[in-house]
N, C-alpha and C. Protein backbone atom coordinates (compact mmCIF):
# COMPACT_ATOMS: atom_id res chain seq x y z
N MET A 1 125.14 69.41 218.04
CA MET A 1 125.90 69.36 217.00
C MET A 1 126.93 70.01 216.82
N SER A 2 127.75 69.66 216.46
CA SER A 2 129.29 70.47 216.19
C SER A 2 129.25 71.31 215.02
N GLU A 3 130.21 72.45 215.09
CA GLU A 3 129.86 73.60 214.00
C GLU A 3 130.62 72.95 212.84
N LYS A 4 131.32 71.95 212.95
CA LYS A 4 132.13 71.37 211.94
C LYS A 4 130.97 70.50 210.89
N LYS A 5 130.11 69.72 211.70
CA LYS A 5 129.38 69.06 210.90
C LYS A 5 128.24 70.23 209.99
N VAL A 6 127.86 71.35 210.91
CA VAL A 6 127.07 72.16 210.12
C VAL A 6 127.54 72.54 208.90
N VAL A 7 128.92 73.05 208.94
CA VAL A 7 129.60 73.70 207.87
C VAL A 7 129.81 72.73 206.99
N SER A 8 129.90 71.38 206.94
CA SER A 8 130.03 70.25 206.32
C SER A 8 128.70 70.09 205.60
N ARG A 9 127.71 70.16 206.41
CA ARG A 9 126.71 69.90 205.80
C ARG A 9 126.05 70.92 204.57
N ASN A 10 126.26 72.23 205.13
CA ASN A 10 126.02 73.52 204.33
C ASN A 10 126.85 73.41 202.91
N VAL A 11 128.19 72.81 203.55
CA VAL A 11 128.75 72.90 201.72
C VAL A 11 128.51 71.75 201.37
N ALA A 12 127.76 70.52 201.81
CA ALA A 12 127.29 69.68 200.81
C ALA A 12 126.08 70.12 200.07
N ILE A 13 125.46 70.77 201.14
CA ILE A 13 124.32 71.13 200.11
C ILE A 13 124.53 72.30 199.22
N ALA A 14 125.47 73.26 199.65
CA ALA A 14 125.58 74.20 198.35
C ALA A 14 126.36 73.67 197.58
N LEU A 15 127.08 72.51 197.33
CA LEU A 15 127.76 71.86 196.31
C LEU A 15 126.77 71.09 195.62
N THR A 16 125.50 70.63 196.27
CA THR A 16 124.61 69.93 195.67
C THR A 16 123.76 70.74 194.86
N ILE A 17 123.65 71.77 195.46
CA ILE A 17 122.85 73.05 194.59
C ILE A 17 123.60 73.18 193.51
N ALA A 18 124.82 73.48 193.46
CA ALA A 18 125.68 74.12 192.74
C ALA A 18 125.94 72.81 191.23
N CYS A 19 125.80 71.55 191.88
CA CYS A 19 125.94 70.66 190.79
C CYS A 19 124.86 70.44 190.45
N VAL A 20 123.51 70.57 190.84
CA VAL A 20 122.15 70.49 190.03
C VAL A 20 121.99 71.77 189.13
N ILE A 21 122.31 73.14 189.39
CA ILE A 21 122.38 74.34 188.70
C ILE A 21 123.04 74.15 187.50
N PHE A 22 124.36 73.55 187.87
CA PHE A 22 125.52 73.36 186.64
C PHE A 22 125.12 72.40 185.82
N ALA A 23 124.22 71.25 186.26
CA ALA A 23 123.72 70.12 185.68
C ALA A 23 122.69 70.75 184.50
N ALA A 24 121.72 71.34 184.99
CA ALA A 24 120.55 72.01 184.55
C ALA A 24 121.15 72.90 183.53
N THR A 25 122.20 73.81 183.78
CA THR A 25 122.51 74.63 183.03
C THR A 25 123.39 74.07 181.54
N LEU A 26 124.13 72.75 182.09
CA LEU A 26 124.73 72.13 181.36
C LEU A 26 123.81 71.51 179.84
N ALA A 27 122.68 70.82 180.79
CA ALA A 27 121.45 70.26 179.75
C ALA A 27 120.89 71.08 178.92
N GLY A 28 120.80 72.49 179.56
CA GLY A 28 120.10 73.58 178.63
C GLY A 28 121.02 74.00 177.62
N ALA A 29 122.21 73.87 177.80
CA ALA A 29 123.22 74.49 176.50
C ALA A 29 123.29 73.13 175.80
N ILE A 30 123.34 72.21 176.42
CA ILE A 30 123.45 71.00 175.31
C ILE A 30 122.12 70.84 174.17
N LEU A 31 120.78 71.03 175.05
CA LEU A 31 119.66 71.40 174.01
C LEU A 31 120.00 72.64 173.35
N ASN A 32 119.99 73.54 173.79
CA ASN A 32 120.51 74.69 172.82
C ASN A 32 121.47 74.47 171.55
N TYR A 33 122.84 73.69 171.76
CA TYR A 33 123.21 73.56 170.71
C TYR A 33 123.00 72.41 169.68
N GLN A 34 122.18 71.59 170.41
CA GLN A 34 121.67 70.16 169.62
C GLN A 34 120.46 71.05 168.69
N SER A 35 119.62 71.78 169.17
CA SER A 35 119.06 72.84 168.34
C SER A 35 119.54 73.63 167.25
N ALA A 36 120.80 74.38 167.73
CA ALA A 36 121.29 75.01 166.82
C ALA A 36 121.98 74.36 165.67
N ILE A 37 122.80 73.02 166.12
CA ILE A 37 123.46 72.13 165.10
C ILE A 37 122.42 71.66 164.24
N GLN A 38 120.94 71.07 164.66
CA GLN A 38 119.90 70.93 163.72
C GLN A 38 119.66 71.64 162.89
N ALA A 39 119.46 73.28 163.19
CA ALA A 39 119.07 74.25 162.21
C ALA A 39 120.10 74.35 161.16
N ILE A 40 121.37 74.44 161.49
CA ILE A 40 122.58 74.56 160.85
C ILE A 40 122.29 73.43 159.92
N THR A 41 122.35 72.37 160.38
CA THR A 41 122.17 71.02 159.27
C THR A 41 121.30 71.04 158.43
N GLU A 42 120.02 71.44 158.83
CA GLU A 42 118.69 71.47 157.99
C GLU A 42 119.06 72.67 156.84
N SER A 43 119.75 73.63 157.46
CA SER A 43 119.84 74.75 156.59
C SER A 43 121.28 74.47 155.52
N LYS A 44 121.89 73.71 155.67
CA LYS A 44 123.02 72.83 154.90
C LYS A 44 122.42 71.94 154.14
N ASP A 45 121.58 71.32 154.47
CA ASP A 45 120.96 70.17 153.47
C ASP A 45 120.22 70.94 152.63
N ASP A 46 119.54 71.79 153.09
CA ASP A 46 118.36 72.55 152.23
C ASP A 46 119.21 73.50 150.89
N ALA A 47 120.41 73.91 151.30
CA ALA A 47 121.59 74.54 150.59
C ALA A 47 121.84 73.80 149.52
N LEU A 48 122.45 72.63 149.76
CA LEU A 48 122.86 71.30 149.24
C LEU A 48 121.92 70.91 148.06
N ALA A 49 120.73 70.57 148.56
CA ALA A 49 119.70 70.11 147.76
C ALA A 49 119.31 71.39 146.44
N THR A 50 119.29 72.42 147.10
CA THR A 50 119.47 73.44 145.83
C THR A 50 120.28 73.40 145.03
N LYS A 51 121.74 73.34 145.48
CA LYS A 51 122.68 73.37 144.57
C LYS A 51 122.61 72.05 143.57
N ASN A 52 122.41 70.81 144.26
CA ASN A 52 121.70 69.67 143.12
C ASN A 52 121.14 70.04 142.16
N SER A 53 119.91 70.67 142.85
CA SER A 53 118.81 71.16 141.51
C SER A 53 119.45 71.71 140.47
N GLN A 54 120.07 73.03 140.91
CA GLN A 54 120.93 73.81 140.05
C GLN A 54 121.71 73.03 138.98
N ILE A 55 122.48 72.11 139.68
CA ILE A 55 123.75 71.32 138.84
C ILE A 55 122.75 70.44 137.68
N GLN A 56 121.73 69.85 138.64
CA GLN A 56 120.93 68.94 137.31
C GLN A 56 120.22 69.77 136.33
N SER A 57 119.89 71.21 136.70
CA SER A 57 119.34 71.92 135.59
C SER A 57 120.41 72.42 134.36
N LEU A 58 121.59 72.75 134.98
CA LEU A 58 122.48 73.17 134.12
C LEU A 58 123.31 71.76 133.45
N ASN A 59 122.97 70.45 133.60
CA ASN A 59 123.47 69.48 133.22
C ASN A 59 122.59 69.06 132.15
N ASN A 60 121.36 69.54 132.25
CA ASN A 60 119.82 69.23 131.23
C ASN A 60 120.42 70.35 130.05
N GLN A 61 120.83 71.48 130.28
CA GLN A 61 121.30 72.61 129.38
C GLN A 61 122.05 72.20 128.71
N ILE A 62 123.17 71.53 129.32
CA ILE A 62 124.38 71.36 128.52
C ILE A 62 123.80 70.21 127.60
N ILE A 63 123.08 69.01 128.08
CA ILE A 63 122.55 68.26 126.94
C ILE A 63 121.60 68.95 125.98
N ASP A 64 120.90 69.57 125.98
CA ASP A 64 120.09 70.36 125.07
C ASP A 64 121.04 71.30 123.94
N LEU A 65 122.24 71.80 124.83
CA LEU A 65 123.25 72.62 123.97
C LEU A 65 123.93 71.42 122.85
N GLN A 66 124.33 70.68 123.51
CA GLN A 66 125.36 69.57 122.95
C GLN A 66 124.38 69.22 121.47
N ALA A 67 123.08 68.88 121.91
CA ALA A 67 122.15 68.42 120.81
C ALA A 67 121.89 69.28 119.59
N GLN A 68 121.94 70.65 119.99
CA GLN A 68 121.68 71.60 119.12
C GLN A 68 123.19 71.87 118.32
N VAL A 69 124.42 71.64 118.77
CA VAL A 69 125.34 71.77 118.26
C VAL A 69 125.73 70.52 117.41
N ASP A 70 125.05 69.30 117.93
CA ASP A 70 125.21 68.30 116.85
C ASP A 70 124.32 68.27 115.81
N ASP A 71 123.22 69.03 116.16
CA ASP A 71 122.25 69.32 114.89
C ASP A 71 122.87 70.28 113.62
N LEU A 72 123.67 71.34 114.20
CA LEU A 72 124.22 72.32 113.53
C LEU A 72 125.51 71.83 112.66
N THR A 73 126.23 70.92 113.54
CA THR A 73 127.27 70.16 112.96
C THR A 73 126.90 69.34 111.66
N GLU A 74 125.74 68.65 111.70
CA GLU A 74 125.09 68.08 110.70
C GLU A 74 125.13 68.76 109.58
N ILE A 75 124.29 70.08 109.59
CA ILE A 75 123.81 70.94 108.80
C ILE A 75 125.22 71.64 108.11
N ILE A 76 126.18 71.90 108.81
CA ILE A 76 127.59 72.40 108.54
C ILE A 76 128.12 71.34 107.60
N HIS A 77 128.29 70.23 107.49
CA HIS A 77 128.76 69.18 106.91
C HIS A 77 127.71 68.78 105.81
N LEU A 78 126.65 69.28 105.60
CA LEU A 78 125.92 69.07 104.81
C LEU A 78 125.14 67.57 104.72
N ASN A 79 125.37 66.90 105.89
CA ASN A 79 124.62 65.58 106.19
C ASN A 79 123.20 65.39 106.39
N ARG A 80 122.60 66.64 106.02
CA ARG A 80 120.99 66.44 106.17
C ARG A 80 120.55 66.33 104.88
N SER A 81 119.21 65.75 104.63
CA SER A 81 118.37 65.89 103.41
C SER A 81 117.29 65.57 103.43
N TYR A 82 116.21 65.86 102.65
CA TYR A 82 114.88 65.45 102.49
C TYR A 82 114.57 65.30 100.72
N ASP A 83 113.75 64.36 100.68
CA ASP A 83 113.03 64.19 99.31
C ASP A 83 112.48 65.55 99.12
N MET A 84 112.55 66.40 97.90
CA MET A 84 111.50 67.54 97.60
C MET A 84 110.04 66.83 97.29
N SER A 85 110.37 65.74 96.51
CA SER A 85 108.69 65.23 96.50
C SER A 85 107.78 66.23 95.29
N LEU A 86 108.84 66.71 94.36
CA LEU A 86 108.06 67.54 93.68
C LEU A 86 107.04 66.86 92.74
N THR A 87 107.23 65.82 92.17
CA THR A 87 106.61 64.75 91.48
C THR A 87 105.24 64.18 92.29
N ASP A 88 105.58 64.01 93.53
CA ASP A 88 104.50 63.12 94.31
C ASP A 88 104.71 61.74 93.64
N GLY A 89 106.12 61.12 93.51
CA GLY A 89 106.21 59.84 93.13
C GLY A 89 105.63 59.54 91.98
N MET A 90 105.10 60.30 91.11
CA MET A 90 104.40 59.85 89.93
C MET A 90 105.37 60.00 88.67
N ASN A 91 105.74 59.84 87.48
CA ASN A 91 106.02 59.93 86.48
C ASN A 91 105.71 61.39 85.65
N LEU A 92 106.60 62.01 85.29
CA LEU A 92 106.23 63.13 84.29
C LEU A 92 106.07 62.63 83.02
N ASN A 93 104.60 63.29 82.33
CA ASN A 93 104.59 63.05 80.92
C ASN A 93 105.14 64.11 80.26
N GLN A 94 106.19 64.63 79.88
CA GLN A 94 106.82 65.71 79.42
C GLN A 94 106.24 65.54 77.80
N THR A 95 105.44 66.93 77.31
CA THR A 95 105.55 66.76 75.45
C THR A 95 106.98 67.10 75.11
N ALA A 96 106.71 67.00 73.81
CA ALA A 96 108.10 67.20 73.44
C ALA A 96 108.86 68.63 73.35
N ASN A 97 110.12 68.94 73.82
CA ASN A 97 110.90 70.08 73.89
C ASN A 97 109.78 71.15 74.80
N SER A 98 109.98 70.47 76.13
CA SER A 98 109.05 70.86 77.18
C SER A 98 109.74 70.94 78.44
N TYR A 99 109.05 71.47 79.72
CA TYR A 99 109.65 71.22 80.96
C TYR A 99 108.63 71.43 82.00
N ALA A 100 108.53 70.76 83.10
CA ALA A 100 108.15 70.82 84.28
C ALA A 100 108.72 71.95 85.01
N SER A 101 108.04 72.86 85.80
CA SER A 101 108.56 73.78 86.67
C SER A 101 108.25 74.13 87.95
N TRP A 102 108.64 74.04 89.14
CA TRP A 102 108.26 74.02 90.09
C TRP A 102 108.89 75.58 90.71
N ASN A 103 108.38 76.15 91.85
CA ASN A 103 108.84 77.32 92.62
C ASN A 103 108.91 76.77 93.99
N ARG A 104 110.49 76.92 94.66
CA ARG A 104 110.60 76.42 96.32
C ARG A 104 111.31 77.51 96.89
N GLY A 105 110.92 77.92 98.08
CA GLY A 105 111.39 78.65 98.80
C GLY A 105 112.69 77.74 99.57
N ILE A 106 113.77 77.89 99.67
CA ILE A 106 115.06 77.31 100.32
C ILE A 106 115.58 78.21 101.40
N ASP A 107 115.45 77.20 102.55
CA ASP A 107 116.02 78.09 103.70
C ASP A 107 117.46 77.88 104.25
N THR A 108 117.90 77.03 103.93
CA THR A 108 119.39 76.94 103.86
C THR A 108 120.51 76.74 103.03
N ALA A 109 121.54 77.00 103.16
CA ALA A 109 122.69 76.59 102.01
C ALA A 109 122.64 75.09 101.95
N GLY A 110 122.83 74.55 100.71
CA GLY A 110 123.16 73.35 100.46
C GLY A 110 123.13 73.08 98.59
N TYR A 111 122.48 71.88 98.43
CA TYR A 111 122.46 71.70 96.93
C TYR A 111 121.25 70.67 96.69
N ILE A 112 120.84 70.70 95.69
CA ILE A 112 119.92 69.86 95.01
C ILE A 112 120.32 68.80 94.19
N SER A 113 119.93 67.67 94.40
CA SER A 113 120.49 66.36 93.77
C SER A 113 119.55 66.24 92.94
N PHE A 114 119.47 65.93 91.34
CA PHE A 114 118.51 65.16 90.65
C PHE A 114 119.51 63.84 90.03
N LYS A 115 118.46 62.74 90.24
CA LYS A 115 118.58 61.65 89.71
C LYS A 115 117.76 61.02 88.77
N ASN A 116 118.55 61.05 87.57
CA ASN A 116 117.29 60.51 86.22
C ASN A 116 117.50 58.76 86.33
N GLU A 117 116.22 58.49 87.26
CA GLU A 117 115.99 56.95 87.45
C GLU A 117 115.40 55.94 86.29
N GLY A 118 115.21 57.19 85.25
CA GLY A 118 114.74 56.56 84.18
C GLY A 118 113.73 57.29 83.04
N SER A 119 114.17 57.61 81.82
CA SER A 119 113.26 58.28 81.10
C SER A 119 113.31 57.47 79.60
N TRP A 120 111.90 57.53 78.80
CA TRP A 120 111.56 56.99 78.04
C TRP A 120 111.11 57.77 76.90
N THR A 121 111.44 57.49 75.78
CA THR A 121 110.37 58.33 74.53
C THR A 121 110.25 57.23 73.82
N THR A 122 109.58 57.56 72.87
CA THR A 122 108.81 56.63 71.62
C THR A 122 109.71 57.03 70.40
N THR A 123 110.08 56.11 69.69
CA THR A 123 110.64 56.32 68.37
C THR A 123 109.83 55.72 67.30
N SER A 124 110.28 55.56 66.12
CA SER A 124 109.61 54.51 65.29
C SER A 124 110.28 53.08 65.39
N GLU A 125 111.09 52.70 66.41
CA GLU A 125 111.59 51.74 66.77
C GLU A 125 110.76 51.12 67.68
N GLY A 126 110.08 51.87 68.66
CA GLY A 126 109.59 51.85 69.93
C GLY A 126 110.03 52.68 70.98
N TRP A 127 110.14 52.12 72.28
CA TRP A 127 110.48 52.96 73.38
C TRP A 127 111.96 52.84 73.65
N VAL A 128 112.53 53.75 73.88
CA VAL A 128 113.96 54.15 74.20
C VAL A 128 114.22 54.95 75.45
N THR A 129 115.50 54.57 75.90
CA THR A 129 115.85 55.46 76.86
C THR A 129 116.39 56.91 76.21
N THR A 130 116.34 58.06 77.15
CA THR A 130 116.78 59.24 76.70
C THR A 130 117.14 60.05 78.07
N ASP A 131 118.13 61.01 77.32
CA ASP A 131 118.58 61.88 78.36
C ASP A 131 117.21 63.13 78.73
N ILE A 132 117.69 63.49 79.73
CA ILE A 132 116.52 64.75 80.26
C ILE A 132 117.64 65.83 80.73
N TYR A 133 116.96 66.92 81.07
CA TYR A 133 117.75 67.92 81.82
C TYR A 133 117.12 68.59 82.89
N ALA A 134 118.01 69.00 83.74
CA ALA A 134 117.47 69.48 85.05
C ALA A 134 118.06 70.91 85.21
N GLN A 135 117.27 71.97 85.75
CA GLN A 135 117.79 73.33 85.39
C GLN A 135 117.33 73.91 86.95
N VAL A 136 118.25 74.62 87.57
CA VAL A 136 117.51 75.46 88.62
C VAL A 136 118.33 77.07 88.43
N ILE A 137 117.24 77.89 88.79
CA ILE A 137 117.39 79.23 88.40
C ILE A 137 117.28 79.85 89.74
N TRP A 138 117.91 80.71 90.56
CA TRP A 138 117.71 81.48 91.91
C TRP A 138 118.52 83.13 91.82
N SER A 139 118.30 83.86 92.47
CA SER A 139 118.77 84.90 92.67
C SER A 139 118.90 85.29 94.33
N ALA A 140 120.14 85.41 94.87
CA ALA A 140 120.37 85.55 96.23
C ALA A 140 121.72 86.44 96.36
N TYR A 141 121.89 87.32 97.50
CA TYR A 141 123.12 87.91 98.02
C TYR A 141 123.54 88.19 97.09
N GLY A 142 123.18 88.96 95.84
CA GLY A 142 123.63 89.60 94.63
C GLY A 142 124.24 88.61 93.86
N ILE A 143 123.82 87.21 93.67
CA ILE A 143 124.16 86.22 92.81
C ILE A 143 123.00 85.81 92.23
N ASN A 144 123.18 85.71 90.61
CA ASN A 144 122.25 85.63 89.88
C ASN A 144 122.85 83.98 89.02
N TYR A 145 122.03 82.86 89.59
CA TYR A 145 122.37 81.66 89.25
C TYR A 145 121.41 81.03 88.38
N ASP A 146 121.87 80.55 86.98
CA ASP A 146 120.83 79.69 86.12
C ASP A 146 121.77 78.84 85.23
N ASN A 147 121.47 77.51 85.84
CA ASN A 147 122.48 76.28 85.18
C ASN A 147 121.37 75.48 84.92
N GLN A 148 122.01 74.67 83.78
CA GLN A 148 121.11 73.39 83.15
C GLN A 148 122.13 72.67 82.87
N ILE A 149 121.84 71.25 83.17
CA ILE A 149 122.76 70.05 83.11
C ILE A 149 121.97 69.02 82.60
N THR A 150 122.49 68.26 81.47
CA THR A 150 121.78 67.04 80.76
C THR A 150 122.18 65.73 81.76
N ILE A 151 121.04 65.20 81.72
CA ILE A 151 121.16 64.00 82.77
C ILE A 151 120.93 62.54 82.15
N GLY A 152 121.88 61.61 81.89
CA GLY A 152 121.23 60.32 81.28
C GLY A 152 120.79 59.41 82.33
N THR A 153 120.27 58.31 81.81
CA THR A 153 119.66 57.58 82.57
C THR A 153 120.60 56.68 83.63
N ASN A 154 120.12 57.11 84.93
CA ASN A 154 120.82 56.54 86.23
C ASN A 154 121.92 57.38 86.56
N GLU A 155 121.98 58.61 86.08
CA GLU A 155 122.82 59.62 86.37
C GLU A 155 122.71 60.82 87.36
N THR A 156 123.44 61.61 87.76
CA THR A 156 122.82 62.63 89.03
C THR A 156 123.63 63.92 88.61
N ALA A 157 122.77 64.70 88.80
CA ALA A 157 123.11 66.20 88.59
C ALA A 157 122.80 67.02 89.87
N ASN A 158 123.90 68.11 90.33
CA ASN A 158 123.71 68.49 91.61
C ASN A 158 124.20 69.91 91.38
N PHE A 159 122.93 70.92 92.11
CA PHE A 159 122.99 72.17 91.82
C PHE A 159 123.29 72.71 93.34
N PRO A 160 124.09 73.98 93.44
CA PRO A 160 124.43 74.50 94.69
C PRO A 160 123.14 75.37 94.75
N MET A 161 123.08 75.31 96.08
CA MET A 161 121.95 76.64 96.73
C MET A 161 122.23 77.21 97.91
N LEU A 162 121.70 78.49 98.02
CA LEU A 162 121.84 79.63 98.88
C LEU A 162 120.33 80.14 99.18
N PRO A 163 120.10 80.18 100.38
CA PRO A 163 118.58 80.45 100.98
C PRO A 163 118.11 81.36 100.25
N CYS A 164 117.06 81.05 99.00
CA CYS A 164 116.30 81.75 98.31
C CYS A 164 115.23 81.02 97.75
N TYR A 165 114.65 81.89 96.53
CA TYR A 165 113.16 81.72 96.13
C TYR A 165 113.89 80.87 94.89
N ALA A 166 113.50 79.50 94.52
CA ALA A 166 114.20 79.04 93.47
C ALA A 166 113.26 78.41 92.28
N GLU A 167 113.36 78.41 91.25
CA GLU A 167 112.77 77.63 90.41
C GLU A 167 113.58 76.80 89.81
N ILE A 168 112.72 75.23 89.81
CA ILE A 168 113.47 74.04 89.51
C ILE A 168 112.70 73.48 88.43
N ARG A 169 113.43 73.31 87.30
CA ARG A 169 112.88 72.41 86.22
C ARG A 169 113.23 71.33 85.92
N VAL A 170 112.81 70.51 85.33
CA VAL A 170 112.98 68.98 84.78
C VAL A 170 112.35 69.05 83.32
N GLY A 171 113.08 68.68 82.33
CA GLY A 171 112.83 68.96 80.79
C GLY A 171 113.02 67.71 80.17
N ASN A 172 112.33 67.83 78.88
CA ASN A 172 112.70 66.92 77.61
C ASN A 172 113.41 67.81 76.53
N THR A 173 114.22 67.41 75.86
CA THR A 173 114.68 67.90 74.58
C THR A 173 114.23 67.26 73.70
N ASN A 174 113.72 66.34 73.51
CA ASN A 174 113.36 65.10 72.27
C ASN A 174 112.45 65.95 71.48
N PRO A 175 112.40 65.58 70.62
CA PRO A 175 111.03 66.05 69.54
C PRO A 175 109.94 65.16 69.66
N ASN A 176 109.89 64.05 70.95
CA ASN A 176 108.77 63.15 71.13
C ASN A 176 108.40 63.25 72.55
N ASN A 177 107.04 63.12 72.72
CA ASN A 177 106.59 62.82 74.33
C ASN A 177 107.81 61.72 74.94
N THR A 178 108.40 62.37 76.25
CA THR A 178 109.01 61.63 76.89
C THR A 178 108.38 61.30 78.51
N TYR A 179 108.55 60.25 79.11
CA TYR A 179 107.90 59.78 80.20
C TYR A 179 109.44 60.09 81.40
N ILE A 180 109.39 60.48 82.33
CA ILE A 180 110.54 60.83 83.17
C ILE A 180 110.15 60.25 84.61
N GLN A 181 110.96 59.79 85.02
CA GLN A 181 111.18 59.27 86.59
C GLN A 181 112.51 60.27 87.47
N VAL A 182 111.87 61.22 87.89
CA VAL A 182 113.11 61.68 88.77
C VAL A 182 113.19 62.09 90.22
N ASN A 183 114.32 61.48 91.04
CA ASN A 183 114.34 61.90 92.43
C ASN A 183 114.84 62.95 92.73
N ILE A 184 114.70 63.86 93.47
CA ILE A 184 114.93 65.12 93.70
C ILE A 184 115.10 65.37 94.97
N ARG A 185 116.29 65.48 95.72
CA ARG A 185 116.57 65.42 96.93
C ARG A 185 117.14 67.08 97.26
N TYR A 186 117.20 67.45 98.25
CA TYR A 186 117.80 68.48 99.15
C TYR A 186 118.63 68.30 100.02
N HIS A 187 119.91 68.68 100.09
CA HIS A 187 120.93 68.21 100.73
C HIS A 187 121.47 69.65 101.64
N TYR A 188 121.10 69.76 102.87
CA TYR A 188 121.53 70.82 103.80
C TYR A 188 122.53 70.45 104.77
C-alpha cells in the first residue's frame, strides 16, 4: 500500500472521529441548552403566574376599597336611612297632655325625620284630626340640643343629630286623648 493511501485513510479516520466527537459534543450542548431554556421558561412561567395572582389580588382589593368608598360617599350625602320602628307599627294612644319617650344611641351624624301620618282626638263633635309634637334632646361634643316642633297631619319635622345618646319624644298637647300614627326614620 502506498503511503498516500495510509495517510489518506488515517486522515479520513481522524476526521470521522473528530466529526463524531464534534457531533456528540454538539448534541450534548444542544441538550444542555434545551434543558437550561426549559428551566428558564418554567421559572419565567412561575414568576408570571405569581405576578398574575398578585395582580388579581390587588384588583380584588381595589374592588373592595371602591365598595367602601361608595358606602362612605352614601353616608356623606345622607343617602342612607332606616325606620327607627319606635312604635313597632302600632298607633300611640296618648293621654291628654302627655308624650311617649324613647332613648336611642345614635352612631353617625344625620337627622331624624318624623312624619305625622295621622292623629285623631275625640271632641264633643266626634273624632277630629289634631297636631302632635316631636321633640329630640341630646348632648354631644359640647352641644346641648333640645328642640320641639309641632307637626300637622301629613307634615314632616326634621331634627339634626350627632353621634350621641338621644331622647326622642312624640307628644299630645290636646286636653283629650289622641291616637297617633307617626313614621320615624333616621337618615345618615
